[in-house]
């Protein structure tokens, strides 16, 4: 049997399950599309096979001033620029030529500084150069949040946040402890003892130092870190995000062949078919045939209820402590 690997094949399978082409299915293609989307949303929210745990890396981005001319390349990396109208101040991180214009990647000096304004003139504190802003693209540090994919359903933690001074090591850094006391010799020590001790040290570190507070809502697609962005992060640094992500059906096409999903989508389409036919209840066709949409609705409701109970008992993961 051929496996279903696309949404179009999935829709045709559901319609064949209901009797197509032997029976005329009185439902529009857009209605089939909507019911398949409804089924897939329910599947993603509850089925353990619909999500995966991943570690994503994110490079911290700076904001960008797009200037009206190429003068931006004449500013000096590391110098302070000031907006003549807004009074905003920032440090130049890099400059680049963009056709007949130029861009300046910058980092605001403080979070309380007002933002730059379009059409105002900026002046370099070291070079003395000036330029006019045509547009402003805010980066992660100025925004105060990371933009996430709409496939992210929950975020557990962000690791790690390194000190700006890379020579500074945390007292509870396991590498620091290993080199300082030479406690562990992994060739002879028991791995169980090593693992338990490492877990204990991580617990102590979490209790004393704490983890970075995060806030995330999947409908916003924004990961907020409750930190001082300007002081704790640099442009170009990386954060690692431990999160849960929906499987993208365009990449993992085997999702469309899931047995439960096929049955659930078929039941939803059957209910839509019954609701369409119920509008003609009581009308007799030639030969005395009468539409019975309510019967299709009742049958599909029973199937939907049974499938949702099966999801809860067999396929739904137990409740976990997950942010988002």
Protein backbone atom coordinates (compact mmCIF):
# COMPACT_ATOMS: atom_id res chain seq x y z
CA UNK A 1 0.00 0.00 0.00
CA UNK A 2 1.35 3.41 -1.02
CA UNK A 3 2.15 5.70 1.91
CA UNK A 4 0.51 9.11 2.13
CA UNK A 5 3.17 11.81 1.94
CA UNK A 6 1.31 15.04 1.19
CA UNK A 7 -1.75 17.01 2.21
CA UNK A 8 -3.44 16.52 -1.18
CA UNK A 9 -3.02 12.73 -0.94
CA UNK A 10 -4.31 12.86 2.64
CA UNK A 11 -7.50 14.69 1.59
CA UNK A 12 -8.17 12.23 -1.21
CA UNK A 13 -7.70 9.31 1.19
CA UNK A 14 -10.28 10.75 3.61
CA UNK A 15 -12.80 11.31 0.81
CA UNK A 16 -12.30 7.77 -0.51
CA UNK A 17 -12.86 6.51 3.03
CA UNK A 18 -16.27 8.21 2.94
CA UNK A 19 -17.19 6.65 -0.43
CA UNK A 20 -15.69 8.78 -3.20
CA UNK A 21 -16.02 8.27 -6.17
CA UNK A 22 -18.82 5.69 -5.75
CA UNK A 23 -20.81 8.14 -3.63
CA UNK A 24 -21.04 11.86 -4.26
CA UNK A 25 -19.59 13.66 -1.21
CA UNK A 26 -21.47 16.94 -0.86
CA UNK A 27 -18.65 19.05 0.50
CA UNK A 28 -16.52 21.79 -1.02
CA UNK A 29 -12.76 21.42 -1.31
CA UNK A 30 -12.22 24.46 0.95
CA UNK A 31 -14.35 22.76 3.62
CA UNK A 32 -12.22 19.62 3.31
CA UNK A 33 -9.12 21.81 3.68
CA UNK A 34 -10.51 23.44 6.83
CA UNK A 35 -11.43 20.14 8.47
CA UNK A 36 -8.00 18.67 7.71
CA UNK A 37 -6.41 21.75 9.28
CA UNK A 38 -8.65 21.33 12.36
CA UNK A 39 -7.65 17.68 12.67
CA UNK A 40 -3.97 18.48 12.29
CA UNK A 41 -4.13 21.22 14.94
CA UNK A 42 -5.70 18.82 17.44
CA UNK A 43 -3.13 16.17 16.53
CA UNK A 44 -0.23 18.59 17.09
CA UNK A 45 -1.57 19.74 20.45
CA UNK A 46 -1.97 16.30 21.99
CA UNK A 47 -0.21 13.47 20.13
CA UNK A 48 3.27 12.58 21.37
CA UNK A 49 4.43 11.87 17.81
CA UNK A 50 3.56 15.40 16.65
CA UNK A 51 6.34 17.19 18.53
CA UNK A 52 10.06 16.75 19.06
CA UNK A 53 12.49 17.98 21.69
CA UNK A 54 15.25 20.03 20.07
CA UNK A 55 18.16 22.28 21.01
CA UNK A 56 18.23 25.33 18.75
CA UNK A 57 21.06 27.82 18.55
CA UNK A 58 20.36 31.51 18.10
CA UNK A 59 22.85 34.23 17.24
CA UNK A 60 22.19 37.52 19.04
CA UNK A 61 21.55 40.24 16.49
CA UNK A 62 22.12 43.96 16.71
CA UNK A 63 19.91 46.70 15.35
CA UNK A 64 20.57 48.23 11.94
CA UNK A 65 20.36 51.82 10.73
CA UNK A 66 19.76 52.05 7.00
CA UNK A 67 21.23 55.34 5.75
CA UNK A 68 20.23 57.27 2.64
CA UNK A 69 23.78 57.27 1.21
CA UNK A 70 26.98 55.22 1.37
CA UNK A 71 28.44 57.45 4.09
CA UNK A 72 27.74 54.75 6.71
CA UNK A 73 30.91 52.88 5.78
CA UNK A 74 32.95 55.90 6.89
CA UNK A 75 31.89 55.50 10.54
CA UNK A 76 34.37 53.76 12.86
CA UNK A 77 33.63 50.44 14.56
CA UNK A 78 33.30 51.00 18.31
CA UNK A 79 32.56 54.72 18.13
CA UNK A 80 29.48 56.32 19.66
CA UNK A 81 26.78 57.66 17.37
CA UNK A 82 24.11 60.13 18.48
CA UNK A 83 20.77 61.02 16.93
CA UNK A 84 20.38 64.78 16.51
CA UNK A 85 16.60 64.70 17.02
CA UNK A 86 15.95 61.75 19.35
CA UNK A 87 19.14 62.03 21.39
CA UNK A 88 19.55 58.25 21.07
CA UNK A 89 23.09 56.97 21.60
CA UNK A 90 24.58 53.68 20.42
CA UNK A 91 27.90 52.00 19.72
CA UNK A 92 28.77 51.05 16.15
CA UNK A 93 29.35 47.33 15.82
CA UNK A 94 29.96 47.12 12.07
CA UNK A 95 29.17 48.84 8.79
CA UNK A 96 28.42 47.51 5.34
CA UNK A 97 27.69 48.77 1.86
CA UNK A 98 24.24 47.97 0.50
CA UNK A 99 24.11 49.04 -3.14
CA UNK A 100 23.78 52.84 -3.30
CA UNK A 101 23.16 53.06 0.47
CA UNK A 102 24.88 51.76 3.59
CA UNK A 103 23.94 50.10 6.88
CA UNK A 104 25.27 50.53 10.41
CA UNK A 105 24.85 47.64 12.85
CA UNK A 106 24.75 49.08 16.36
CA UNK A 107 24.01 48.35 20.01
CA UNK A 108 22.13 50.84 22.18
CA UNK A 109 24.27 52.16 25.06
CA UNK A 110 21.46 51.68 27.62
CA UNK A 111 17.98 50.22 27.55
CA UNK A 112 16.55 53.56 28.71
CA UNK A 113 17.90 55.42 25.67
CA UNK A 114 15.12 56.58 23.29
CA UNK A 115 15.13 54.84 19.89
CA UNK A 116 16.49 56.39 16.72
CA UNK A 117 13.99 58.10 14.43
CA UNK A 118 13.61 57.87 10.68
CA UNK A 119 14.87 60.96 8.76
CA UNK A 120 17.02 62.21 11.64
CA UNK A 121 20.75 62.83 11.29
CA UNK A 122 23.29 60.80 13.25
CA UNK A 123 26.77 62.01 14.14
CA UNK A 124 29.84 59.89 14.93
CA UNK A 125 31.61 60.84 18.14
CA UNK A 126 35.06 59.81 16.86
CA UNK A 127 34.93 60.17 13.09
CA UNK A 128 32.69 63.23 13.06
CA UNK A 129 30.80 61.78 10.10
CA UNK A 130 27.08 62.40 9.66
CA UNK A 131 24.33 60.47 7.91
CA UNK A 132 20.56 60.52 7.50
CA UNK A 133 18.47 57.50 8.59
CA UNK A 134 16.08 56.04 6.02
CA UNK A 135 14.82 53.13 8.16
CA UNK A 136 15.54 51.29 11.42
CA UNK A 137 15.55 47.51 11.88
CA UNK A 138 15.62 46.62 15.57
CA UNK A 139 17.63 43.57 16.65
CA UNK A 140 17.34 41.19 19.60
CA UNK A 141 19.11 43.39 22.16
CA UNK A 142 17.04 46.49 21.45
CA UNK A 143 13.81 44.52 21.21
CA UNK A 144 14.47 42.65 24.44
CA UNK A 145 13.22 39.35 23.04
CA UNK A 146 14.05 36.63 20.50
CA UNK A 147 11.74 35.98 17.56
CA UNK A 148 10.85 32.28 17.35
CA UNK A 149 9.33 30.04 14.69
CA UNK A 150 5.59 29.40 14.79
CA UNK A 151 6.49 25.69 14.98
CA UNK A 152 7.79 26.17 18.55
CA UNK A 153 5.15 24.99 20.99
CA UNK A 154 7.02 25.31 24.31
CA UNK A 155 10.38 26.43 25.65
CA UNK A 156 11.95 24.78 28.67
CA UNK A 157 15.12 26.79 29.21
CA UNK A 158 17.86 28.85 27.61
CA UNK A 159 21.47 27.63 27.98
CA UNK A 160 24.01 28.96 28.56
CA UNK A 161 24.44 32.67 29.32
CA UNK A 162 28.18 33.13 29.43
CA UNK A 163 29.94 35.91 31.30
CA UNK A 164 31.27 38.65 29.04
CA UNK A 165 34.70 38.09 30.55
CA UNK A 166 35.41 34.63 29.18
CA UNK A 167 38.27 34.17 31.70
CA UNK A 168 35.79 34.14 34.61
CA UNK A 169 34.62 30.67 35.62
CA UNK A 170 31.70 29.88 37.86
CA UNK A 171 32.62 28.25 41.18
CA UNK A 172 30.09 25.55 40.39
CA UNK A 173 31.42 24.97 36.87
CA UNK A 174 32.10 21.21 36.76
CA UNK A 175 35.27 21.77 34.74
CA UNK A 176 36.52 24.20 37.39
CA UNK A 177 35.86 21.68 40.15
CA UNK A 178 37.48 18.82 38.26
CA UNK A 179 40.69 20.75 37.58
CA UNK A 180 40.81 22.34 41.02
CA UNK A 181 40.47 19.25 43.16
CA UNK A 182 41.20 16.49 40.67
CA UNK A 183 38.34 14.58 42.24
CA UNK A 184 37.26 12.49 39.31
CA UNK A 185 39.24 10.05 37.26
CA UNK A 186 36.74 8.86 34.71
CA UNK A 187 38.87 5.85 33.78
CA UNK A 188 38.55 4.28 37.21
CA UNK A 189 35.71 6.05 39.08
CA UNK A 190 32.18 4.72 38.96
CA UNK A 191 30.07 6.61 36.44
CA UNK A 192 27.03 6.39 38.71
CA UNK A 193 28.85 8.30 41.45
CA UNK A 194 30.03 10.86 38.94
CA UNK A 195 26.53 11.36 37.52
CA UNK A 196 24.88 11.69 40.96
CA UNK A 197 27.50 14.19 42.13
CA UNK A 198 27.19 16.22 38.95
CA UNK A 199 23.40 16.35 39.31
CA UNK A 200 23.78 17.46 42.93
CA UNK A 201 26.15 20.27 41.93
CA UNK A 202 23.73 21.41 39.25
CA UNK A 203 20.92 21.50 41.82
CA UNK A 204 23.04 23.58 44.20
CA UNK A 205 23.98 25.93 41.37
CA UNK A 206 20.31 26.34 40.39
CA UNK A 207 19.33 27.10 43.99
CA UNK A 208 22.09 29.66 44.58
CA UNK A 209 22.63 31.19 41.15
CA UNK A 210 19.27 30.42 39.59
CA UNK A 211 18.34 30.02 35.97
CA UNK A 212 17.51 32.80 33.55
CA UNK A 213 13.78 33.68 33.92
CA UNK A 214 12.00 33.29 30.59
CA UNK A 215 8.54 34.08 29.29
CA UNK A 216 7.08 32.54 26.17
CA UNK A 217 3.68 32.32 24.49
CA UNK A 218 3.44 30.39 21.24
CA UNK A 219 0.88 32.85 19.80
CA UNK A 220 3.34 35.72 20.14
CA UNK A 221 6.35 33.86 18.69
CA UNK A 222 8.59 35.80 21.09
CA UNK A 223 10.96 34.49 23.75
CA UNK A 224 11.47 37.06 26.50
CA UNK A 225 14.49 36.82 28.81
CA UNK A 226 14.22 38.79 32.05
CA UNK A 227 17.78 40.10 31.95
CA UNK A 228 19.65 43.30 31.21
CA UNK A 229 20.22 42.63 27.53
CA UNK A 230 22.76 45.42 26.98
CA UNK A 231 24.96 44.24 29.85
CA UNK A 232 24.66 40.46 29.63
CA UNK A 233 24.69 39.80 25.89
CA UNK A 234 26.89 40.79 22.95
CA UNK A 235 26.07 40.95 19.26
CA UNK A 236 27.19 37.70 17.65
CA UNK A 237 27.00 35.58 20.81
CA UNK A 238 24.97 32.38 20.72
CA UNK A 239 22.21 31.11 22.98
CA UNK A 240 21.04 27.51 23.02
CA UNK A 241 17.29 27.05 23.43
CA UNK A 242 15.88 23.78 24.74
CA UNK A 243 12.38 23.60 23.35
CA UNK A 244 9.59 21.50 21.90
CA UNK A 245 8.80 21.90 18.22
CA UNK A 246 5.99 20.69 15.99
CA UNK A 247 7.03 18.35 13.22
CA UNK A 248 6.87 20.23 9.95
CA UNK A 249 4.77 18.05 7.58
CA UNK A 250 6.56 19.50 4.55
CA UNK A 251 9.82 18.08 5.94
CA UNK A 252 8.59 15.01 7.83
CA UNK A 253 5.99 13.85 5.32
CA UNK A 254 5.31 10.59 7.14
CA UNK A 255 3.11 12.61 9.52
CA UNK A 256 0.33 12.46 6.93
CA UNK A 257 0.28 8.67 7.18
CA UNK A 258 -0.51 8.60 10.91
CA UNK A 259 -3.36 6.16 11.52
CA UNK A 260 -5.14 8.19 14.22
CA UNK A 261 -4.90 11.42 12.22
CA UNK A 262 -6.48 9.79 9.16
CA UNK A 263 -9.43 8.49 11.17
CA UNK A 264 -9.95 11.80 13.00
CA UNK A 265 -9.83 13.94 9.84
CA UNK A 266 -12.26 11.57 8.12
CA UNK A 267 -14.71 11.92 11.03
CA UNK A 268 -14.50 15.72 10.89
CA UNK A 269 -15.12 15.73 7.13
CA UNK A 270 -18.05 13.36 7.60
CA UNK A 271 -19.56 15.74 10.16
CA UNK A 272 -19.17 18.65 7.75
CA UNK A 273 -20.86 16.58 5.05
CA UNK A 274 -23.77 15.88 7.41
CA UNK A 275 -24.08 19.57 8.32
CA UNK A 276 -24.23 20.44 4.63
CA UNK A 277 -26.97 17.87 3.97
CA UNK A 278 -28.95 18.86 7.06
CA UNK A 279 -29.84 22.13 5.30
CA UNK A 280 -32.01 20.03 2.94
CA UNK A 281 -33.71 17.99 5.67
CA UNK A 282 -37.24 16.95 4.69
CA UNK A 283 -36.75 17.56 0.97
CA UNK A 284 -37.43 14.47 -1.13
CA UNK A 285 -35.48 13.74 -4.29
CA UNK A 286 -36.90 11.87 -7.32
CA UNK A 287 -37.67 8.29 -6.37
CA UNK A 288 -38.55 9.24 -2.79
CA UNK A 289 -34.94 9.55 -1.64
CA UNK A 290 -34.57 11.94 1.33
CA UNK A 291 -31.36 13.45 2.66
CA UNK A 292 -30.50 12.42 6.22
CA UNK A 293 -27.74 14.75 7.30
CA UNK A 294 -28.50 14.36 11.01
CA UNK A 295 -27.59 10.67 10.88
CA UNK A 296 -24.17 11.54 9.47
CA UNK A 297 -23.71 14.16 12.19
CA UNK A 298 -24.64 11.72 14.98
CA UNK A 299 -22.35 8.99 13.62
CA UNK A 300 -19.43 11.38 13.20
CA UNK A 301 -19.92 12.85 16.69
CA UNK A 302 -19.63 9.37 18.17
CA UNK A 303 -16.48 8.70 16.16
CA UNK A 304 -14.94 12.05 17.17
CA UNK A 305 -15.67 11.45 20.85
CA UNK A 306 -14.21 7.94 20.71
CA UNK A 307 -11.07 9.13 18.91
CA UNK A 308 -10.49 12.01 21.34
CA UNK A 309 -10.82 9.60 24.27
CA UNK A 310 -8.33 7.30 22.54
CA UNK A 311 -5.96 10.25 22.15
CA UNK A 312 -6.21 11.07 25.85
CA UNK A 313 -5.67 7.50 27.01
CA UNK A 314 -3.13 6.24 24.49
CA UNK A 315 -1.26 9.03 22.72
CA UNK A 316 -1.18 12.08 24.98
CA UNK A 317 1.97 12.66 27.02
CA UNK A 318 1.62 13.12 30.79
CA UNK A 319 1.67 16.68 32.12
CA UNK A 320 5.21 18.05 32.33
CA UNK A 321 6.70 21.24 33.76
CA UNK A 322 7.16 23.12 30.51
CA UNK A 323 7.20 26.88 29.95
CA UNK A 324 4.97 28.08 27.14
